Amino acid sequence: MVKIEAVIKPFKLDAVKDALAELGVHGMTVVEVRGFGRQKGHRELFRGNEYVVDLLPKMKVEVVVSDDLENAVTVAIREAACTGNIGDGKIFVTDLKEAVRIRTGETGENAV
């Protein structure tokens, strides 16, 4: 099993959810996050005062899938989240040692 974490632009969340649903991914965790990468934020003007927005709003999508779905899920997220502009986000893939369903005690892929 692998855990795939994607940090994406907020308005791309629905496209990513739809792309994952087409692959048969049953569950995901979505968290509103803030951060910056190479773009390092931007300046905005509010009531005549300029201020720096250095932590930009993003969405973090986490899914756990079997090893054989890793490439398909990664490609689907990338294609759905891509705008071609700076700040599109990142995808991180990590090996997952174990998963346990709390209610039933099932482990491994059965727990996912």
PDB file of N, CA and C in Angstrom:
ATOM      1  N   MET A   1       0.841  -1.184   0.000  1.00  0.00           N
ATOM      2  CA  MET A   1       0.000   0.000   0.000  1.00  0.00           C
ATOM      3  C   MET A   1       0.881   1.241   0.000  1.00  0.00           C
ATOM      4  N   VAL A   2       0.353   2.309  -0.549  1.00  0.00           N
ATOM      5  CA  VAL A   2       1.033   3.593  -0.557  1.00  0.00           C
ATOM      6  C   VAL A   2       0.061   4.676  -0.121  1.00  0.00           C
ATOM      7  N   LYS A   3       0.623   5.710   0.483  1.00  0.00           N
ATOM      8  CA  LYS A   3      -0.162   6.894   0.828  1.00  0.00           C
ATOM      9  C   LYS A   3       0.252   7.990  -0.139  1.00  0.00           C
ATOM     10  N   ILE A   4      -0.719   8.557  -0.819  1.00  0.00           N
ATOM     11  CA  ILE A   4      -0.456   9.627  -1.777  1.00  0.00           C
ATOM     12  C   ILE A   4      -1.045  10.899  -1.212  1.00  0.00           C
ATOM     13  N   GLU A   5      -0.192  11.907  -1.042  1.00  0.00           N
ATOM     14  CA  GLU A   5      -0.613  13.213  -0.544  1.00  0.00           C
ATOM     15  C   GLU A   5      -0.395  14.224  -1.659  1.00  0.00           C
ATOM     16  N   ALA A   6      -1.431  14.988  -1.959  1.00  0.00           N
ATOM     17  CA  ALA A   6      -1.329  16.011  -2.993  1.00  0.00           C
ATOM     18  C   ALA A   6      -1.736  17.348  -2.407  1.00  0.00           C
ATOM     19  N   VAL A   7      -0.893  18.351  -2.612  1.00  0.00           N
ATOM     20  CA  VAL A   7      -1.210  19.720  -2.211  1.00  0.00           C
ATOM     21  C   VAL A   7      -1.561  20.451  -3.496  1.00  0.00           C
ATOM     22  N   ILE A   8      -2.822  20.912  -3.586  1.00  0.00           N
ATOM     23  CA  ILE A   8      -3.336  21.467  -4.837  1.00  0.00           C
ATOM     24  C   ILE A   8      -4.013  22.809  -4.597  1.00  0.00           C
ATOM     25  N   LYS A   9      -4.306  23.498  -5.686  1.00  0.00           N
ATOM     26  CA  LYS A   9      -5.069  24.742  -5.596  1.00  0.00           C
ATOM     27  C   LYS A   9      -6.510  24.407  -5.204  1.00  0.00           C
ATOM     28  N   PRO A  10      -7.124  25.225  -4.358  1.00  0.00           N
ATOM     29  CA  PRO A  10      -8.468  24.915  -3.862  1.00  0.00           C
ATOM     30  C   PRO A  10      -9.523  24.713  -4.942  1.00  0.00           C
ATOM     31  N   PHE A  11      -9.486  25.493  -6.005  1.00  0.00           N
ATOM     32  CA  PHE A  11     -10.521  25.377  -7.028  1.00  0.00           C
ATOM     33  C   PHE A  11     -10.381  24.124  -7.881  1.00  0.00           C
ATOM     34  N   LYS A  12      -9.306  23.356  -7.698  1.00  0.00           N
ATOM     35  CA  LYS A  12      -9.101  22.123  -8.446  1.00  0.00           C
ATOM     36  C   LYS A  12      -9.575  20.890  -7.680  1.00  0.00           C
ATOM     37  N   LEU A  13     -10.095  21.074  -6.470  1.00  0.00           N
ATOM     38  CA  LEU A  13     -10.492  19.942  -5.642  1.00  0.00           C
ATOM     39  C   LEU A  13     -11.563  19.076  -6.301  1.00  0.00           C
ATOM     40  N   ASP A  14     -12.601  19.675  -6.859  1.00  0.00           N
ATOM     41  CA  ASP A  14     -13.671  18.897  -7.487  1.00  0.00           C
ATOM     42  C   ASP A  14     -13.151  18.071  -8.660  1.00  0.00           C
ATOM     43  N   ALA A  15     -12.260  18.639  -9.451  1.00  0.00           N
ATOM     44  CA  ALA A  15     -11.693  17.905 -10.584  1.00  0.00           C
ATOM     45  C   ALA A  15     -10.885  16.704 -10.107  1.00  0.00           C
ATOM     46  N   VAL A  16     -10.125  16.884  -9.032  1.00  0.00           N
ATOM     47  CA  VAL A  16      -9.329  15.785  -8.482  1.00  0.00           C
ATOM     48  C   VAL A  16     -10.245  14.709  -7.904  1.00  0.00           C
ATOM     49  N   LYS A  17     -11.280  15.112  -7.173  1.00  0.00           N
ATOM     50  CA  LYS A  17     -12.233  14.138  -6.618  1.00  0.00           C
ATOM     51  C   LYS A  17     -12.879  13.316  -7.730  1.00  0.00           C
ATOM     52  N   ASP A  18     -13.295  13.967  -8.795  1.00  0.00           N
ATOM     53  CA  ASP A  18     -13.927  13.270  -9.915  1.00  0.00           C
ATOM     54  C   ASP A  18     -12.950  12.304 -10.585  1.00  0.00           C
ATOM     55  N   ALA A  19     -11.704  12.731 -10.759  1.00  0.00           N
ATOM     56  CA  ALA A  19     -10.698  11.869 -11.395  1.00  0.00           C
ATOM     57  C   ALA A  19     -10.422  10.630 -10.548  1.00  0.00           C
ATOM     58  N   LEU A  20     -10.371  10.803  -9.235  1.00  0.00           N
ATOM     59  CA  LEU A  20     -10.136   9.661  -8.351  1.00  0.00           C
ATOM     60  C   LEU A  20     -11.350   8.730  -8.320  1.00  0.00           C
ATOM     61  N   ALA A  21     -12.534   9.285  -8.368  1.00  0.00           N
ATOM     62  CA  ALA A  21     -13.749   8.467  -8.383  1.00  0.00           C
ATOM     63  C   ALA A  21     -13.795   7.590  -9.635  1.00  0.00           C
ATOM     64  N   GLU A  22     -13.359   8.120 -10.771  1.00  0.00           N
ATOM     65  CA  GLU A  22     -13.320   7.348 -12.010  1.00  0.00           C
ATOM     66  C   GLU A  22     -12.396   6.147 -11.908  1.00  0.00           C
ATOM     67  N   LEU A  23     -11.356   6.254 -11.061  1.00  0.00           N
ATOM     68  CA  LEU A  23     -10.410   5.149 -10.864  1.00  0.00           C
ATOM     69  C   LEU A  23     -10.909   4.155  -9.821  1.00  0.00           C
ATOM     70  N   GLY A  24     -11.989   4.494  -9.144  1.00  0.00           N
ATOM     71  CA  GLY A  24     -12.509   3.602  -8.121  1.00  0.00           C
ATOM     72  C   GLY A  24     -11.895   3.805  -6.750  1.00  0.00           C
ATOM     73  N   VAL A  25     -11.281   4.958  -6.530  1.00  0.00           N
ATOM     74  CA  VAL A  25     -10.747   5.274  -5.204  1.00  0.00           C
ATOM     75  C   VAL A  25     -11.934   5.604  -4.306  1.00  0.00           C
ATOM     76  N   HIS A  26     -12.089   4.843  -3.222  1.00  0.00           N
ATOM     77  CA  HIS A  26     -13.292   4.922  -2.404  1.00  0.00           C
ATOM     78  C   HIS A  26     -13.276   6.017  -1.351  1.00  0.00           C
ATOM     79  N   GLY A  27     -12.121   6.339  -0.816  1.00  0.00           N
ATOM     80  CA  GLY A  27     -12.084   7.320   0.259  1.00  0.00           C
ATOM     81  C   GLY A  27     -10.892   8.239   0.147  1.00  0.00           C
ATOM     82  N   MET A  28     -11.017   9.372   0.781  1.00  0.00           N
ATOM     83  CA  MET A  28      -9.917  10.339   0.801  1.00  0.00           C
ATOM     84  C   MET A  28     -10.103  11.253   1.995  1.00  0.00           C
ATOM     85  N   THR A  29      -9.020  11.881   2.377  1.00  0.00           N
ATOM     86  CA  THR A  29      -9.060  12.899   3.422  1.00  0.00           C
ATOM     87  C   THR A  29      -8.669  14.217   2.773  1.00  0.00           C
ATOM     88  N   VAL A  30      -9.437  15.253   3.041  1.00  0.00           N
ATOM     89  CA  VAL A  30      -9.176  16.576   2.474  1.00  0.00           C
ATOM     90  C   VAL A  30      -9.027  17.561   3.620  1.00  0.00           C
ATOM     91  N   VAL A  31      -7.945  18.335   3.588  1.00  0.00           N
ATOM     92  CA  VAL A  31      -7.654  19.306   4.638  1.00  0.00           C
ATOM     93  C   VAL A  31      -7.322  20.645   3.996  1.00  0.00           C
ATOM     94  N   GLU A  32      -7.884  21.721   4.544  1.00  0.00           N
ATOM     95  CA  GLU A  32      -7.486  23.063   4.101  1.00  0.00           C
ATOM     96  C   GLU A  32      -6.161  23.394   4.767  1.00  0.00           C
ATOM     97  N   VAL A  33      -5.166  23.752   3.957  1.00  0.00           N
ATOM     98  CA  VAL A  33      -3.847  24.082   4.485  1.00  0.00           C
ATOM     99  C   VAL A  33      -3.383  25.408   3.912  1.00  0.00           C
ATOM    100  N   ARG A  34      -2.305  25.922   4.451  1.00  0.00           N
ATOM    101  CA  ARG A  34      -1.686  27.143   3.945  1.00  0.00           C
ATOM    102  C   ARG A  34      -0.202  26.890   3.830  1.00  0.00           C
ATOM    103  N   GLY A  35       0.413  27.468   2.813  1.00  0.00           N
ATOM    104  CA  GLY A  35       1.843  27.275   2.645  1.00  0.00           C
ATOM    105  C   GLY A  35       2.365  28.052   1.457  1.00  0.00           C
ATOM    106  N   PHE A  36       3.648  27.852   1.198  1.00  0.00           N
ATOM    107  CA  PHE A  36       4.249  28.473   0.025  1.00  0.00           C
ATOM    108  C   PHE A  36       5.402  27.619  -0.454  1.00  0.00           C
ATOM    109  N   GLY A  37       5.719  27.786  -1.706  1.00  0.00           N
ATOM    110  CA  GLY A  37       6.849  27.107  -2.330  1.00  0.00           C
ATOM    111  C   GLY A  37       7.713  28.150  -2.993  1.00  0.00           C
ATOM    112  N   ARG A  38       8.045  27.909  -4.225  1.00  0.00           N
ATOM    113  CA  ARG A  38       8.900  28.846  -4.961  1.00  0.00           C
ATOM    114  C   ARG A  38       8.224  30.188  -5.213  1.00  0.00           C
ATOM    115  N   GLN A  39       6.886  30.214  -5.267  1.00  0.00           N
ATOM    116  CA  GLN A  39       6.217  31.469  -5.571  1.00  0.00           C
ATOM    117  C   GLN A  39       6.272  32.456  -4.411  1.00  0.00           C
ATOM    118  N   LYS A  40       6.459  31.970  -3.196  1.00  0.00           N
ATOM    119  CA  LYS A  40       6.678  32.810  -2.009  1.00  0.00           C
ATOM    120  C   LYS A  40       5.595  33.855  -1.767  1.00  0.00           C
ATOM    121  N   GLY A  41       4.361  33.557  -2.118  1.00  0.00           N
ATOM    122  CA  GLY A  41       3.271  34.482  -1.808  1.00  0.00           C
ATOM    123  C   GLY A  41       3.185  35.641  -2.780  1.00  0.00           C
ATOM    124  N   HIS A  42       2.422  36.659  -2.382  1.00  0.00           N
ATOM    125  CA  HIS A  42       2.232  37.829  -3.226  1.00  0.00           C
ATOM    126  C   HIS A  42       1.798  39.014  -2.358  1.00  0.00           C
ATOM    127  N   ARG A  43       1.775  40.195  -2.965  1.00  0.00           N
ATOM    128  CA  ARG A  43       1.358  41.411  -2.270  1.00  0.00           C
ATOM    129  C   ARG A  43      -0.072  41.751  -2.664  1.00  0.00           C
ATOM    130  N   GLU A  44      -0.846  42.236  -1.687  1.00  0.00           N
ATOM    131  CA  GLU A  44      -2.216  42.675  -1.958  1.00  0.00           C
ATOM    132  C   GLU A  44      -2.421  44.056  -1.360  1.00  0.00           C
ATOM    133  N   LEU A  45      -3.433  44.742  -1.876  1.00  0.00           N
ATOM    134  CA  LEU A  45      -3.772  46.074  -1.404  1.00  0.00           C
ATOM    135  C   LEU A  45      -5.149  46.010  -0.750  1.00  0.00           C
ATOM    136  N   PHE A  46      -5.259  46.489   0.503  1.00  0.00           N
ATOM    137  CA  PHE A  46      -6.529  46.489   1.210  1.00  0.00           C
ATOM    138  C   PHE A  46      -6.688  47.833   1.898  1.00  0.00           C
ATOM    139  N   ARG A  47      -7.733  48.575   1.509  1.00  0.00           N
ATOM    140  CA  ARG A  47      -8.012  49.899   2.074  1.00  0.00           C
ATOM    141  C   ARG A  47      -6.781  50.812   2.054  1.00  0.00           C
ATOM    142  N   GLY A  48      -6.088  50.768   0.947  1.00  0.00           N
ATOM    143  CA  GLY A  48      -4.944  51.645   0.766  1.00  0.00           C
ATOM    144  C   GLY A  48      -3.651  51.150   1.387  1.00  0.00           C
ATOM    145  N   ASN A  49      -3.692  50.059   2.113  1.00  0.00           N
ATOM    146  CA  ASN A  49      -2.483  49.510   2.726  1.00  0.00           C
ATOM    147  C   ASN A  49      -2.042  48.255   1.973  1.00  0.00           C
ATOM    148  N   GLU A  50      -0.753  48.196   1.708  1.00  0.00           N
ATOM    149  CA  GLU A  50      -0.204  47.027   1.038  1.00  0.00           C
ATOM    150  C   GLU A  50       0.280  46.038   2.086  1.00  0.00           C
ATOM    151  N   TYR A  51      -0.014  44.775   1.878  1.00  0.00           N
ATOM    152  CA  TYR A  51       0.483  43.758   2.795  1.00  0.00           C
ATOM    153  C   TYR A  51       0.874  42.510   2.008  1.00  0.00           C
ATOM    154  N   VAL A  52       1.704  41.676   2.622  1.00  0.00           N
ATOM    155  CA  VAL A  52       2.224  40.482   1.969  1.00  0.00           C
ATOM    156  C   VAL A  52       1.429  39.263   2.433  1.00  0.00           C
ATOM    157  N   VAL A  53       0.954  38.499   1.468  1.00  0.00           N
ATOM    158  CA  VAL A  53       0.309  37.221   1.758  1.00  0.00           C
ATOM    159  C   VAL A  53       1.360  36.159   1.441  1.00  0.00           C
ATOM    160  N   ASP A  54       2.025  35.656   2.492  1.00  0.00           N
ATOM    161  CA  ASP A  54       3.112  34.714   2.238  1.00  0.00           C
ATOM    162  C   ASP A  54       2.722  33.255   2.471  1.00  0.00           C
ATOM    163  N   LEU A  55       1.569  33.014   3.071  1.00  0.00           N
ATOM    164  CA  LEU A  55       1.048  31.659   3.208  1.00  0.00           C
ATOM    165  C   LEU A  55      -0.241  31.567   2.401  1.00  0.00           C
ATOM    166  N   LEU A  56      -0.156  30.896   1.271  1.00  0.00           N
ATOM    167  CA  LEU A  56      -1.281  30.835   0.344  1.00  0.00           C
ATOM    168  C   LEU A  56      -2.206  29.667   0.669  1.00  0.00           C
ATOM    169  N   PRO A  57      -3.514  29.836   0.470  1.00  0.00           N
ATOM    170  CA  PRO A  57      -4.442  28.738   0.748  1.00  0.00           C
ATOM    171  C   PRO A  57      -4.289  27.610  -0.269  1.00  0.00           C
ATOM    172  N   LYS A  58      -4.251  26.386   0.225  1.00  0.00           N
ATOM    173  CA  LYS A  58      -4.156  25.183  -0.605  1.00  0.00           C
ATOM    174  C   LYS A  58      -5.058  24.118  -0.012  1.00  0.00           C
ATOM    175  N   MET A  59      -5.257  23.043  -0.744  1.00  0.00           N
ATOM    176  CA  MET A  59      -5.979  21.881  -0.263  1.00  0.00           C
ATOM    177  C   MET A  59      -5.019  20.699  -0.274  1.00  0.00           C
ATOM    178  N   LYS A  60      -5.064  19.915   0.792  1.00  0.00           N
ATOM    179  CA  LYS A  60      -4.239  18.710   0.860  1.00  0.00           C
ATOM    180  C   LYS A  60      -5.175  17.513   0.764  1.00  0.00           C
ATOM    181  N   VAL A  61      -4.959  16.682  -0.242  1.00  0.00           N
ATOM    182  CA  VAL A  61      -5.760  15.481  -0.475  1.00  0.00           C
ATOM    183  C   VAL A  61      -4.885  14.272  -0.154  1.00  0.00           C
ATOM    184  N   GLU A  62      -5.387  13.390   0.703  1.00  0.00           N
ATOM    185  CA  GLU A  62      -4.649  12.188   1.070  1.00  0.00           C
ATOM    186  C   GLU A  62      -5.482  10.969   0.703  1.00  0.00           C
ATOM    187  N   VAL A  63      -4.860  10.013   0.020  1.00  0.00           N
ATOM    188  CA  VAL A  63      -5.518   8.755  -0.307  1.00  0.00           C
ATOM    189  C   VAL A  63      -4.542   7.615  -0.046  1.00  0.00           C
ATOM    190  N   VAL A  64      -5.090   6.468   0.334  1.00  0.00           N
ATOM    191  CA  VAL A  64      -4.294   5.260   0.511  1.00  0.00           C
ATOM    192  C   VAL A  64      -4.805   4.249  -0.506  1.00  0.00           C
ATOM    193  N   VAL A  65      -3.896   3.736  -1.335  1.00  0.00           N
ATOM    194  CA  VAL A  65      -4.273   2.798  -2.385  1.00  0.00           C
ATOM    195  C   VAL A  65      -3.288   1.642  -2.428  1.00  0.00           C
ATOM    196  N   SER A  66      -3.673   0.594  -3.119  1.00  0.00           N
ATOM    197  CA  SER A  66      -2.765  -0.537  -3.298  1.00  0.00           C
ATOM    198  C   SER A  66      -1.629  -0.125  -4.237  1.00  0.00           C
ATOM    199  N   ASP A  67      -0.547  -0.874  -4.166  1.00  0.00           N
ATOM    200  CA  ASP A  67       0.637  -0.550  -4.969  1.00  0.00           C
ATOM    201  C   ASP A  67       0.340  -0.502  -6.467  1.00  0.00           C
ATOM    202  N   ASP A  68      -0.563  -1.358  -6.935  1.00  0.00           N
ATOM    203  CA  ASP A  68      -0.834  -1.405  -8.372  1.00  0.00           C
ATOM    204  C   ASP A  68      -1.603  -0.180  -8.878  1.00  0.00           C
ATOM    205  N   LEU A  69      -2.223   0.582  -7.991  1.00  0.00           N
ATOM    206  CA  LEU A  69      -2.934   1.809  -8.392  1.00  0.00           C
ATOM    207  C   LEU A  69      -2.085   3.070  -8.258  1.00  0.00           C
ATOM    208  N   GLU A  70      -0.894   2.941  -7.701  1.00  0.00           N
ATOM    209  CA  GLU A  70      -0.063   4.122  -7.407  1.00  0.00           C
ATOM    210  C   GLU A  70       0.134   5.011  -8.624  1.00  0.00           C
ATOM    211  N   ASN A  71       0.583   4.451  -9.732  1.00  0.00           N
ATOM    212  CA  ASN A  71       0.877   5.267 -10.909  1.00  0.00           C
ATOM    213  C   ASN A  71      -0.386   5.897 -11.479  1.00  0.00           C
ATOM    214  N   ALA A  72      -1.461   5.126 -11.573  1.00  0.00           N
ATOM    215  CA  ALA A  72      -2.711   5.652 -12.145  1.00  0.00           C
ATOM    216  C   ALA A  72      -3.257   6.803 -11.310  1.00  0.00           C
ATOM    217  N   VAL A  73      -3.212   6.676  -9.989  1.00  0.00           N
ATOM    218  CA  VAL A  73      -3.720   7.730  -9.109  1.00  0.00           C
ATOM    219  C   VAL A  73      -2.847   8.980  -9.209  1.00  0.00           C
ATOM    220  N   THR A  74      -1.543   8.785  -9.226  1.00  0.00           N
ATOM    221  CA  THR A  74      -0.624   9.927  -9.333  1.00  0.00           C
ATOM    222  C   THR A  74      -0.848  10.686 -10.641  1.00  0.00           C
ATOM    223  N   VAL A  75      -0.985   9.962 -11.729  1.00  0.00           N
ATOM    224  CA  VAL A  75      -1.218  10.599 -13.032  1.00  0.00           C
ATOM    225  C   VAL A  75      -2.577  11.305 -13.046  1.00  0.00           C
ATOM    226  N   ALA A  76      -3.599  10.673 -12.493  1.00  0.00           N
ATOM    227  CA  ALA A  76      -4.938  11.279 -12.474  1.00  0.00           C
ATOM    228  C   ALA A  76      -4.942  12.583 -11.681  1.00  0.00           C
ATOM    229  N   ILE A  77      -4.276  12.581 -10.524  1.00  0.00           N
ATOM    230  CA  ILE A  77      -4.214  13.810  -9.719  1.00  0.00           C
ATOM    231  C   ILE A  77      -3.466  14.894 -10.479  1.00  0.00           C
ATOM    232  N   ARG A  78      -2.331  14.529 -11.068  1.00  0.00           N
ATOM    233  CA  ARG A  78      -1.531  15.523 -11.781  1.00  0.00           C
ATOM    234  C   ARG A  78      -2.321  16.142 -12.932  1.00  0.00           C
ATOM    235  N   GLU A  79      -2.988  15.320 -13.715  1.00  0.00           N
ATOM    236  CA  GLU A  79      -3.743  15.838 -14.855  1.00  0.00           C
ATOM    237  C   GLU A  79      -4.935  16.685 -14.410  1.00  0.00           C
ATOM    238  N   ALA A  80      -5.602  16.281 -13.343  1.00  0.00           N
ATOM    239  CA  ALA A  80      -6.777  17.023 -12.884  1.00  0.00           C
ATOM    240  C   ALA A  80      -6.406  18.337 -12.206  1.00  0.00           C
ATOM    241  N   ALA A  81      -5.255  18.381 -11.538  1.00  0.00           N
ATOM    242  CA  ALA A  81      -4.875  19.567 -10.766  1.00  0.00           C
ATOM    243  C   ALA A  81      -4.027  20.561 -11.558  1.00  0.00           C
ATOM    244  N   CYS A  82      -3.570  20.183 -12.716  1.00  0.00           N
ATOM    245  CA  CYS A  82      -2.632  21.028 -13.472  1.00  0.00           C
ATOM    246  C   CYS A  82      -3.337  22.196 -14.151  1.00  0.00           C
ATOM    247  N   THR A  83      -2.808  23.400 -13.924  1.00  0.00           N
ATOM    248  CA  THR A  83      -3.259  24.576 -14.660  1.00  0.00           C
ATOM    249  C   THR A  83      -2.158  25.087 -15.577  1.00  0.00           C
ATOM    250  N   GLY A  84      -0.935  24.607 -15.336  1.00  0.00           N
ATOM    251  CA  GLY A  84       0.206  25.066 -16.108  1.00  0.00           C
ATOM    252  C   GLY A  84       0.849  26.310 -15.532  1.00  0.00           C
ATOM    253  N   ASN A  85       0.330  26.780 -14.410  1.00  0.00           N
ATOM    254  CA  ASN A  85       0.874  27.979 -13.771  1.00  0.00           C
ATOM    255  C   ASN A  85       1.640  27.623 -12.511  1.00  0.00           C
ATOM    256  N   ILE A  86       2.459  28.557 -12.069  1.00  0.00           N
ATOM    257  CA  ILE A  86       3.207  28.358 -10.838  1.00  0.00           C
ATOM    258  C   ILE A  86       2.231  28.192  -9.674  1.00  0.00           C
ATOM    259  N   GLY A  87       2.576  27.323  -8.732  1.00  0.00           N
ATOM    260  CA  GLY A  87       1.733  27.114  -7.569  1.00  0.00           C
ATOM    261  C   GLY A  87       0.710  26.006  -7.729  1.00  0.00           C
ATOM    262  N   ASP A  88       0.838  25.175  -8.771  1.00  0.00           N
ATOM    263  CA  ASP A  88      -0.102  24.080  -8.979  1.00  0.00           C
ATOM    264  C   ASP A  88      -0.040  23.047  -7.860  1.00  0.00           C
ATOM    265  N   GLY A  89       1.112  22.916  -7.208  1.00  0.00           N
ATOM    266  CA  GLY A  89       1.199  22.027  -6.057  1.00  0.00           C
ATOM    267  C   GLY A  89       2.205  20.916  -6.221  1.00  0.00           C
ATOM    268  N   LYS A  90       2.117  19.930  -5.334  1.00  0.00           N
ATOM    269  CA  LYS A  90       3.043  18.799  -5.305  1.00  0.00           C
ATOM    270  C   LYS A  90       2.272  17.532  -4.977  1.00  0.00           C
ATOM    271  N   ILE A  91       2.847  16.401  -5.377  1.00  0.00           N
ATOM    272  CA  ILE A  91       2.324  15.085  -5.018  1.00  0.00           C
ATOM    273  C   ILE A  91       3.452  14.331  -4.330  1.00  0.00           C
ATOM    274  N   PHE A  92       3.140  13.757  -3.171  1.00  0.00           N
ATOM    275  CA  PHE A  92       4.111  12.974  -2.412  1.00  0.00           C
ATOM    276  C   PHE A  92       3.581  11.550  -2.268  1.00  0.00           C
ATOM    277  N   VAL A  93       4.437  10.573  -2.532  1.00  0.00           N
ATOM    278  CA  VAL A  93       4.064   9.167  -2.419  1.00  0.00           C
ATOM    279  C   VAL A  93       4.980   8.512  -1.391  1.00  0.00           C
ATOM    280  N   THR A  94       4.370   7.860  -0.385  1.00  0.00           N
ATOM    281  CA  THR A  94       5.156   7.171   0.642  1.00  0.00           C
ATOM    282  C   THR A  94       4.603   5.755   0.829  1.00  0.00           C
ATOM    283  N   ASP A  95       5.509   4.840   1.148  1.00  0.00           N
ATOM    284  CA  ASP A  95       5.089   3.476   1.465  1.00  0.00           C
ATOM    285  C   ASP A  95       4.351   3.481   2.791  1.00  0.00           C
ATOM    286  N   LEU A  96       3.311   2.670   2.853  1.00  0.00           N
ATOM    287  CA  LEU A  96       2.510   2.580   4.065  1.00  0.00           C
ATOM    288  C   LEU A  96       2.685   1.187   4.650  1.00  0.00           C
ATOM    289  N   LYS A  97       3.160   1.151   5.862  1.00  0.00           N
ATOM    290  CA  LYS A  97       3.458  -0.128   6.503  1.00  0.00           C
ATOM    291  C   LYS A  97       2.194  -0.889   6.880  1.00  0.00           C
ATOM    292  N   GLU A  98       1.225  -0.222   7.458  1.00  0.00           N
ATOM    293  CA  GLU A  98       0.036  -0.902   7.958  1.00  0.00           C
ATOM    294  C   GLU A  98      -1.142   0.054   8.020  1.00  0.00           C
ATOM    295  N   ALA A  99      -2.344  -0.513   7.901  1.00  0.00           N
ATOM    296  CA  ALA A  99      -3.592   0.220   8.101  1.00  0.00           C
ATOM    297  C   ALA A  99      -4.504  -0.682   8.919  1.00  0.00           C
ATOM    298  N   VAL A 100      -5.232  -0.089   9.864  1.00  0.00           N
ATOM    299  CA  VAL A 100      -6.138  -0.848  10.721  1.00  0.00           C
ATOM    300  C   VAL A 100      -7.483  -0.138  10.757  1.00  0.00           C
ATOM    301  N   ARG A 101      -8.563  -0.882  10.474  1.00  0.00           N
ATOM    302  CA  ARG A 101      -9.909  -0.331  10.591  1.00  0.00           C
ATOM    303  C   ARG A 101     -10.297  -0.432  12.069  1.00  0.00           C
ATOM    304  N   ILE A 102     -10.553   0.668  12.699  1.00  0.00           N
ATOM    305  CA  ILE A 102     -10.816   0.705  14.134  1.00  0.00           C
ATOM    306  C   ILE A 102     -12.051  -0.110  14.502  1.00  0.00           C
ATOM    307  N   ARG A 103     -13.131   0.018  13.756  1.00  0.00           N
ATOM    308  CA  ARG A 103     -14.385  -0.653  14.095  1.00  0.00           C
ATOM    309  C   ARG A 103     -14.274  -2.170  14.094  1.00  0.00           C
ATOM    310  N   THR A 104     -13.616  -2.745  13.065  1.00  0.00           N
ATOM    311  CA  THR A 104     -13.613  -4.203  12.919  1.00  0.00           C
ATOM    312  C   THR A 104     -12.271  -4.854  13.233  1.00  0.00           C
ATOM    313  N   GLY A 105     -11.211  -4.074  13.259  1.00  0.00           N
ATOM    314  CA  GLY A 105      -9.885  -4.641  13.482  1.00  0.00           C
ATOM    315  C   GLY A 105      -9.227  -5.163  12.213  1.00  0.00           C
ATOM    316  N   GLU A 106      -9.887  -5.009  11.059  1.00  0.00           N
ATOM    317  CA  GLU A 106      -9.295  -5.458   9.800  1.00  0.00           C
ATOM    318  C   GLU A 106      -7.975  -4.735   9.580  1.00  0.00           C
ATOM    319  N   THR A 107      -7.042  -5.402   8.907  1.00  0.00           N
ATOM    320  CA  THR A 107      -5.731  -4.803   8.663  1.00  0.00           C
ATOM    321  C   THR A 107      -5.388  -4.866   7.179  1.00  0.00           C
ATOM    322  N   GLY A 108      -4.352  -4.143   6.825  1.00  0.00           N
ATOM    323  CA  GLY A 108      -3.868  -4.141   5.448  1.00  0.00           C
ATOM    324  C   GLY A 108      -4.850  -3.503   4.491  1.00  0.00           C
ATOM    325  N   GLU A 109      -4.859  -4.018   3.253  1.00  0.00           N
ATOM    326  CA  GLU A 109      -5.725  -3.449   2.218  1.00  0.00           C
ATOM    327  C   GLU A 109      -7.206  -3.632   2.544  1.00  0.00           C
ATOM    328  N   ASN A 110      -7.547  -4.638   3.337  1.00  0.00           N
ATOM    329  CA  ASN A 110      -8.941  -4.823   3.735  1.00  0.00           C
ATOM    330  C   ASN A 110      -9.443  -3.668   4.592  1.00  0.00           C
ATOM    331  N   ALA A 111      -8.544  -3.007   5.295  1.00  0.00           N
ATOM    332  CA  ALA A 111      -8.921  -1.894   6.161  1.00  0.00           C
ATOM    333  C   ALA A 111      -9.161  -0.616   5.376  1.00  0.00           C
ATOM    334  N   VAL A 112      -8.639  -0.576   4.179  1.00  0.00           N
ATOM    335  CA  VAL A 112      -8.779   0.630   3.357  1.00  0.00           C
ATOM    336  C   VAL A 112     -10.065   0.532   2.598  1.00  0.00           C
TER     337      VAL A 112
END
